[in-house]
Amino acid sequence: MTNPETIITRQSIDQIFNPSEKYIDEFMLTYGNRPDFRRSDFHVWDQHRELGRFFYTLKNSTKLIATWQYNSFQHLHKTVDFSFGGLLWINPKYRGKAIMKIFHEDLIGQKVIRRPFKSNLVPASMNFITRVCDGKLKHHLKYDVTYYNPEDLTVPQNLKIDGITVKNFDESQSRNIVQYDQAIFPYNREKLMLANFSDPNNIVKIAYDWEGNVIGFGYLALFDSGFASMYALYADNVNVARAIFANILKDAPMQKIKRFEIRQPDTSEKWIEPFVVNEQETKHMATLVSTEDNIEFNMNKIFINSHPACCPV
């Protein structure tokens, strides 16, 4: 006999737009109950001025069955924008054609898919979003992920870092950092990036050349679970990327870290090789897709992307 709770209709659920704290509490008990997620991530993402978040619950309850989030990004120099989809999750108990149909109707109804659209899709989401976009998705690049134990990584002694100075975020001028980010990603996300850099749970490093120009940045996000993940490692070249990562490792509380997550585009240089003591398996994580033929990001300077739930790179 079919469990009636698994039969989802429009009448049996509530759609919550920009949910309140009690729904966030429920999220943290379900999809958010994982080693690489922090409740404070919601606060950081909410700094972006054009963000919409949808939670779906069973009727008149906080029982969470699905989530979806999108950001809108306005180009800094042109009258164009795009929407980015993330945080796509469906409770395994309710996955099926019924909830997919509701998602499809709402994404189209909210005009999330009608403007240029981008998303970092894991394999499980690829077919669904492709159908929502009427099959008109371009695959731009793939992100790989490798997990390391603390003893798998070390700071090498022979890095080529002459002429590179690395500072903490609180020793740096935020405007210069924002300008560097905007040269790589020419869309509005200043508040979002500065919120990440200001988070006390992140180890943030900024790289400068001998003239005092910003030539890279990156940060390591630390979680209470002992998980640590690198985000937004942007640099002029591989030597700068390595200088930033070396300084982050030196400051990382290695005795508290159980696992490192390193994500990077499959097209980027193998910048991490000098740091690796024990090789680990690299796996496909996600694919950056778009309804457009081209993406206006400077991928040559992106060694690790920012948080995949809220930004394309």
Protein backbone atom coordinates (compact mmCIF):
# COMPACT_ATOMS: atom_id res chain seq x y z
CA MET A 1 0.00 0.00 0.00
CA THR A 2 1.36 3.45 -0.91
CA ASN A 3 2.12 5.77 1.99
CA PRO A 4 -0.22 8.75 1.44
CA GLU A 5 2.52 11.18 2.57
CA THR A 6 4.54 10.35 -0.52
CA ILE A 7 1.74 11.45 -2.87
CA ILE A 8 2.45 15.14 -3.43
CA THR A 9 -0.09 17.51 -4.95
CA ARG A 10 -0.25 21.31 -5.07
CA GLN A 11 -3.01 21.14 -2.45
CA SER A 12 -1.00 18.98 -0.04
CA ILE A 13 1.98 21.32 0.29
CA ASP A 14 2.86 24.90 1.17
CA GLN A 15 5.39 26.99 -0.72
CA ILE A 16 7.32 29.25 1.66
CA PHE A 17 9.12 32.19 0.05
CA ASN A 18 12.18 33.42 1.97
CA PRO A 19 11.39 31.16 4.95
CA SER A 20 11.62 32.29 8.57
CA GLU A 21 13.92 30.87 11.26
CA LYS A 22 11.64 27.95 12.20
CA TYR A 23 11.91 26.60 8.67
CA ILE A 24 15.67 27.10 8.69
CA ASP A 25 15.70 25.03 11.90
CA GLU A 26 13.93 22.23 10.06
CA PHE A 27 16.37 22.53 7.15
CA MET A 28 19.32 22.08 9.52
CA LEU A 29 17.79 18.82 10.74
CA THR A 30 17.43 17.47 7.21
CA TYR A 31 19.54 18.54 4.23
CA GLY A 32 21.60 20.93 6.35
CA ASN A 33 22.59 18.16 8.76
CA ARG A 34 25.92 17.49 7.04
CA PRO A 35 29.56 18.19 7.89
CA ASP A 36 30.05 20.87 5.21
CA PHE A 37 27.13 23.16 6.03
CA ARG A 38 26.73 25.97 8.56
CA ARG A 39 23.57 27.74 9.60
CA SER A 40 25.49 30.99 9.22
CA ASP A 41 25.77 30.28 5.47
CA PHE A 42 22.21 31.53 5.11
CA HIS A 43 23.15 34.86 6.67
CA VAL A 44 26.09 35.22 4.29
CA TRP A 45 23.99 34.39 1.22
CA ASP A 46 21.29 36.83 2.32
CA GLN A 47 23.75 39.69 1.93
CA HIS A 48 23.20 39.43 -1.81
CA ARG A 49 20.43 41.91 -2.58
CA GLU A 50 18.72 39.83 -5.26
CA LEU A 51 18.12 36.44 -3.72
CA GLY A 52 14.99 34.31 -3.54
CA ARG A 53 14.61 31.14 -1.50
CA PHE A 54 11.76 28.63 -1.69
CA PHE A 55 11.03 25.92 0.85
CA TYR A 56 8.27 23.38 0.30
CA THR A 57 6.61 21.77 3.31
CA LEU A 58 3.70 19.47 3.91
CA LYS A 59 0.50 21.46 4.33
CA ASN A 60 0.30 23.47 7.57
CA SER A 61 3.55 22.08 8.95
CA THR A 62 7.29 22.68 8.99
CA LYS A 63 8.03 19.19 7.59
CA LEU A 64 10.44 20.00 4.79
CA ILE A 65 10.17 18.17 1.47
CA ALA A 66 12.14 20.36 -0.98
CA THR A 67 14.27 23.51 -1.32
CA TRP A 68 15.35 25.84 -4.10
CA GLN A 69 17.32 29.10 -4.11
CA TYR A 70 18.24 31.57 -6.81
CA ASN A 71 20.42 34.68 -7.07
CA SER A 72 20.13 37.35 -9.74
CA PHE A 73 23.38 38.92 -10.90
CA GLN A 74 23.50 42.25 -12.75
CA HIS A 75 26.43 42.92 -15.07
CA LEU A 76 28.58 45.83 -13.90
CA HIS A 77 29.07 47.36 -17.35
CA LYS A 78 26.12 46.19 -19.45
CA THR A 79 22.34 46.09 -19.10
CA VAL A 80 22.30 42.31 -18.86
CA ASP A 81 21.83 39.93 -15.98
CA PHE A 82 21.38 36.25 -15.24
CA SER A 83 19.85 34.09 -12.54
CA PHE A 84 21.76 31.36 -10.74
CA GLY A 85 20.03 28.34 -9.23
CA GLY A 86 21.32 26.49 -6.20
CA LEU A 87 20.34 24.63 -3.02
CA LEU A 88 18.18 22.27 -5.09
CA TRP A 89 17.16 19.44 -2.79
CA ILE A 90 14.21 17.08 -2.55
CA ASN A 91 13.63 14.82 0.43
CA PRO A 92 14.23 11.26 -0.90
CA LYS A 93 10.84 10.18 0.43
CA TYR A 94 9.04 12.61 -1.90
CA ARG A 95 11.13 12.42 -5.05
CA GLY A 96 9.13 11.67 -8.16
CA LYS A 97 7.20 13.12 -11.08
CA ALA A 98 4.69 14.99 -8.87
CA ILE A 99 7.18 17.22 -7.04
CA MET A 100 9.21 17.65 -10.24
CA LYS A 101 6.09 18.98 -12.00
CA ILE A 102 5.51 21.49 -9.19
CA PHE A 103 9.14 22.60 -9.32
CA HIS A 104 8.88 23.05 -13.08
CA GLU A 105 5.74 25.20 -12.78
CA ASP A 106 7.22 27.38 -10.05
CA LEU A 107 10.59 27.94 -11.67
CA ILE A 108 8.91 29.03 -14.87
CA GLY A 109 6.27 31.04 -12.97
CA GLN A 110 8.88 32.93 -10.96
CA LYS A 111 10.72 33.69 -14.24
CA VAL A 112 13.89 32.14 -12.81
CA ILE A 113 14.44 30.16 -16.00
CA ARG A 114 13.22 32.78 -18.50
CA ARG A 115 16.19 35.11 -18.16
CA PRO A 116 19.69 33.75 -18.86
CA PHE A 117 20.14 31.00 -16.30
CA LYS A 118 23.17 29.25 -14.81
CA SER A 119 23.68 26.54 -12.22
CA ASN A 120 26.29 24.14 -10.84
CA LEU A 121 24.50 20.83 -11.27
CA VAL A 122 25.40 17.56 -9.63
CA PRO A 123 24.64 14.51 -11.78
CA ALA A 124 21.40 13.75 -9.92
CA SER A 125 19.95 17.16 -10.87
CA MET A 126 21.13 17.31 -14.48
CA ASN A 127 18.20 15.60 -16.20
CA PHE A 128 15.56 17.53 -14.27
CA ILE A 129 16.98 21.00 -14.87
CA THR A 130 17.66 20.13 -18.49
CA ARG A 131 13.95 19.31 -18.92
CA VAL A 132 12.94 22.53 -17.15
CA CYS A 133 15.11 24.44 -19.64
CA ASP A 134 13.54 22.55 -22.54
CA GLY A 135 16.83 20.83 -23.22
CA LYS A 136 18.57 24.13 -23.99
CA LEU A 137 21.51 23.86 -21.61
CA LYS A 138 25.13 24.43 -22.54
CA HIS A 139 27.79 22.60 -20.53
CA HIS A 140 30.67 25.00 -19.85
CA LEU A 141 33.02 23.29 -17.41
CA LYS A 142 33.18 20.55 -14.84
CA TYR A 143 34.20 20.78 -11.22
CA ASP A 144 36.18 17.98 -9.62
CA VAL A 145 36.57 17.35 -5.90
CA THR A 146 39.28 15.68 -3.85
CA TYR A 147 39.16 14.93 -0.12
CA TYR A 148 42.33 14.91 1.95
CA ASN A 149 43.13 14.00 5.52
CA PRO A 150 45.34 16.55 7.33
CA GLU A 151 48.37 14.25 7.09
CA ASP A 152 47.95 14.12 3.30
CA LEU A 153 48.96 17.78 2.98
CA THR A 154 52.10 19.71 3.83
CA VAL A 155 53.63 23.14 3.15
CA PRO A 156 56.57 22.62 0.76
CA GLN A 157 59.79 24.54 1.29
CA ASN A 158 60.66 25.26 -2.35
CA LEU A 159 57.69 27.29 -3.58
CA LYS A 160 58.40 30.04 -6.10
CA ILE A 161 56.89 32.94 -4.19
CA ASP A 162 59.47 35.70 -4.65
CA GLY A 163 57.80 39.10 -4.99
CA ILE A 164 54.49 37.83 -3.52
CA THR A 165 53.23 39.18 -0.19
CA VAL A 166 50.28 37.48 1.50
CA LYS A 167 48.20 39.29 4.14
CA ASN A 168 45.11 38.63 6.23
CA PHE A 169 41.83 40.16 5.14
CA ASP A 170 41.75 42.58 8.09
CA GLU A 171 45.11 43.97 6.94
CA SER A 172 43.80 44.68 3.45
CA GLN A 173 41.74 47.32 1.68
CA SER A 174 38.40 45.73 0.84
CA ARG A 175 37.85 47.98 -2.19
CA ASN A 176 40.98 46.65 -3.89
CA ILE A 177 39.85 43.07 -3.23
CA VAL A 178 36.42 43.77 -4.68
CA GLN A 179 37.95 45.29 -7.79
CA TYR A 180 40.07 42.18 -8.30
CA ASP A 181 37.00 39.98 -7.95
CA GLN A 182 35.02 42.12 -10.39
CA ALA A 183 37.76 41.83 -13.01
CA ILE A 184 37.18 38.06 -12.91
CA PHE A 185 33.42 37.97 -12.31
CA PRO A 186 31.98 41.23 -13.74
CA TYR A 187 28.65 41.07 -11.91
CA ASN A 188 27.32 42.53 -8.67
CA ARG A 189 28.25 40.40 -5.67
CA GLU A 190 30.34 42.77 -3.57
CA LYS A 191 28.34 42.32 -0.35
CA LEU A 192 28.24 38.56 -0.77
CA MET A 193 32.01 38.23 -1.16
CA LEU A 194 32.81 40.66 1.67
CA ALA A 195 30.45 38.73 3.96
CA ASN A 196 32.45 35.58 3.22
CA PHE A 197 35.74 37.36 3.86
CA SER A 198 34.45 38.84 7.14
CA ASP A 199 33.17 35.52 8.51
CA PRO A 200 35.26 34.68 11.63
CA ASN A 201 34.99 30.97 10.76
CA ASN A 202 36.99 31.50 7.55
CA ILE A 203 40.75 31.85 7.13
CA VAL A 204 41.12 34.53 4.45
CA LYS A 205 44.32 35.47 2.64
CA ILE A 206 45.00 38.24 0.10
CA ALA A 207 48.06 38.23 -2.18
CA TYR A 208 49.92 41.33 -3.41
CA ASP A 209 52.73 41.98 -5.85
CA TRP A 210 55.76 44.13 -5.00
CA GLU A 211 53.86 47.28 -6.07
CA GLY A 212 51.00 46.58 -3.66
CA ASN A 213 48.47 45.43 -6.26
CA VAL A 214 46.05 42.63 -5.38
CA ILE A 215 46.99 39.55 -7.41
CA GLY A 216 44.85 36.92 -5.72
CA PHE A 217 42.78 35.80 -2.75
CA GLY A 218 41.30 32.70 -1.20
CA TYR A 219 39.72 31.41 1.97
CA LEU A 220 39.33 28.20 3.93
CA ALA A 221 35.92 27.63 5.54
CA LEU A 222 36.05 25.80 8.88
CA PHE A 223 33.13 23.78 10.22
CA ASP A 224 32.38 22.53 13.74
CA SER A 225 32.35 18.99 12.35
CA GLY A 226 36.08 19.15 11.61
CA PHE A 227 35.45 19.62 7.91
CA ALA A 228 37.40 22.30 6.02
CA SER A 229 36.69 23.48 2.48
CA MET A 230 38.62 25.84 0.21
CA TYR A 231 36.53 28.48 -1.55
CA ALA A 232 37.26 31.18 -4.13
CA LEU A 233 40.95 30.67 -4.77
CA TYR A 234 41.51 33.31 -7.46
CA ALA A 235 45.02 34.22 -8.56
CA ASP A 236 47.02 35.75 -11.41
CA ASN A 237 49.03 32.56 -11.81
CA VAL A 238 49.81 29.22 -10.20
CA ASN A 239 52.64 30.60 -8.03
CA VAL A 240 50.27 33.13 -6.47
CA ALA A 241 47.65 30.43 -5.86
CA ARG A 242 50.26 28.30 -4.11
CA ALA A 243 51.48 31.22 -1.99
CA ILE A 244 47.92 31.86 -0.79
CA PHE A 245 47.25 28.20 0.00
CA ALA A 246 50.59 27.82 1.82
CA ASN A 247 49.72 30.74 4.10
CA ILE A 248 46.26 29.33 4.74
CA LEU A 249 47.68 25.92 5.69
CA LYS A 250 50.15 27.57 8.08
CA ASP A 251 47.27 29.23 9.96
CA ALA A 252 44.82 26.30 9.77
CA PRO A 253 44.09 24.52 13.10
CA MET A 254 45.28 21.15 11.79
CA GLN A 255 44.66 19.42 15.12
CA LYS A 256 40.94 20.19 14.77
CA ILE A 257 40.54 19.44 11.06
CA LYS A 258 39.49 15.92 10.09
CA ARG A 259 39.02 16.38 6.37
CA PHE A 260 39.88 18.88 3.64
CA GLU A 261 37.71 19.44 0.58
CA ILE A 262 39.44 20.83 -2.52
CA ARG A 263 37.24 21.63 -5.53
CA GLN A 264 38.54 22.97 -8.81
CA PRO A 265 37.58 23.28 -12.46
CA ASP A 266 38.88 20.32 -14.43
CA THR A 267 40.59 22.80 -16.76
CA SER A 268 42.75 24.46 -14.08
CA GLU A 269 46.42 23.75 -13.46
CA LYS A 270 47.32 21.07 -10.93
CA TRP A 271 48.37 23.79 -8.51
CA ILE A 272 48.03 21.62 -5.42
CA GLU A 273 50.58 18.98 -6.41
CA PRO A 274 53.53 20.37 -4.32
CA PHE A 275 51.35 20.21 -1.18
CA VAL A 276 50.22 16.59 -1.53
CA VAL A 277 52.00 13.93 0.50
CA ASN A 278 49.47 11.18 -0.13
CA GLU A 279 47.49 11.17 -3.37
CA GLN A 280 43.72 10.77 -3.07
CA GLU A 281 41.05 9.97 -5.63
CA THR A 282 39.58 12.91 -7.55
CA LYS A 283 35.92 12.64 -8.52
CA HIS A 284 33.50 14.63 -10.63
CA MET A 285 31.37 16.91 -8.45
CA ALA A 286 29.28 19.21 -10.64
CA THR A 287 28.93 20.83 -14.05
CA LEU A 288 28.47 24.55 -14.68
CA VAL A 289 25.59 24.84 -17.14
CA SER A 290 23.93 27.83 -18.77
CA THR A 291 21.19 28.72 -21.20
CA GLU A 292 23.76 30.94 -22.95
CA ASP A 293 26.49 29.92 -25.35
CA ASN A 294 29.17 31.95 -23.60
CA ILE A 295 30.14 32.85 -20.03
CA GLU A 296 31.91 36.13 -19.23
CA PHE A 297 34.18 34.90 -16.47
CA ASN A 298 37.97 34.96 -16.48
CA MET A 299 38.45 31.25 -15.91
CA ASN A 300 42.24 31.57 -16.27
CA LYS A 301 42.38 33.04 -12.76
CA ILE A 302 39.92 30.68 -11.05
CA PHE A 303 41.72 27.84 -9.30
CA ILE A 304 38.81 27.07 -6.94
CA ASN A 305 35.26 28.39 -7.35
CA SER A 306 33.28 30.17 -4.64
CA HIS A 307 30.39 28.43 -2.86
CA PRO A 308 28.59 26.37 -5.55
CA ALA A 309 25.16 26.93 -3.96
CA CYS A 310 25.17 30.70 -4.55
CA CYS A 311 27.61 31.55 -7.38
CA PRO A 312 28.61 29.95 -10.67
CA VAL A 313 32.35 30.51 -10.07
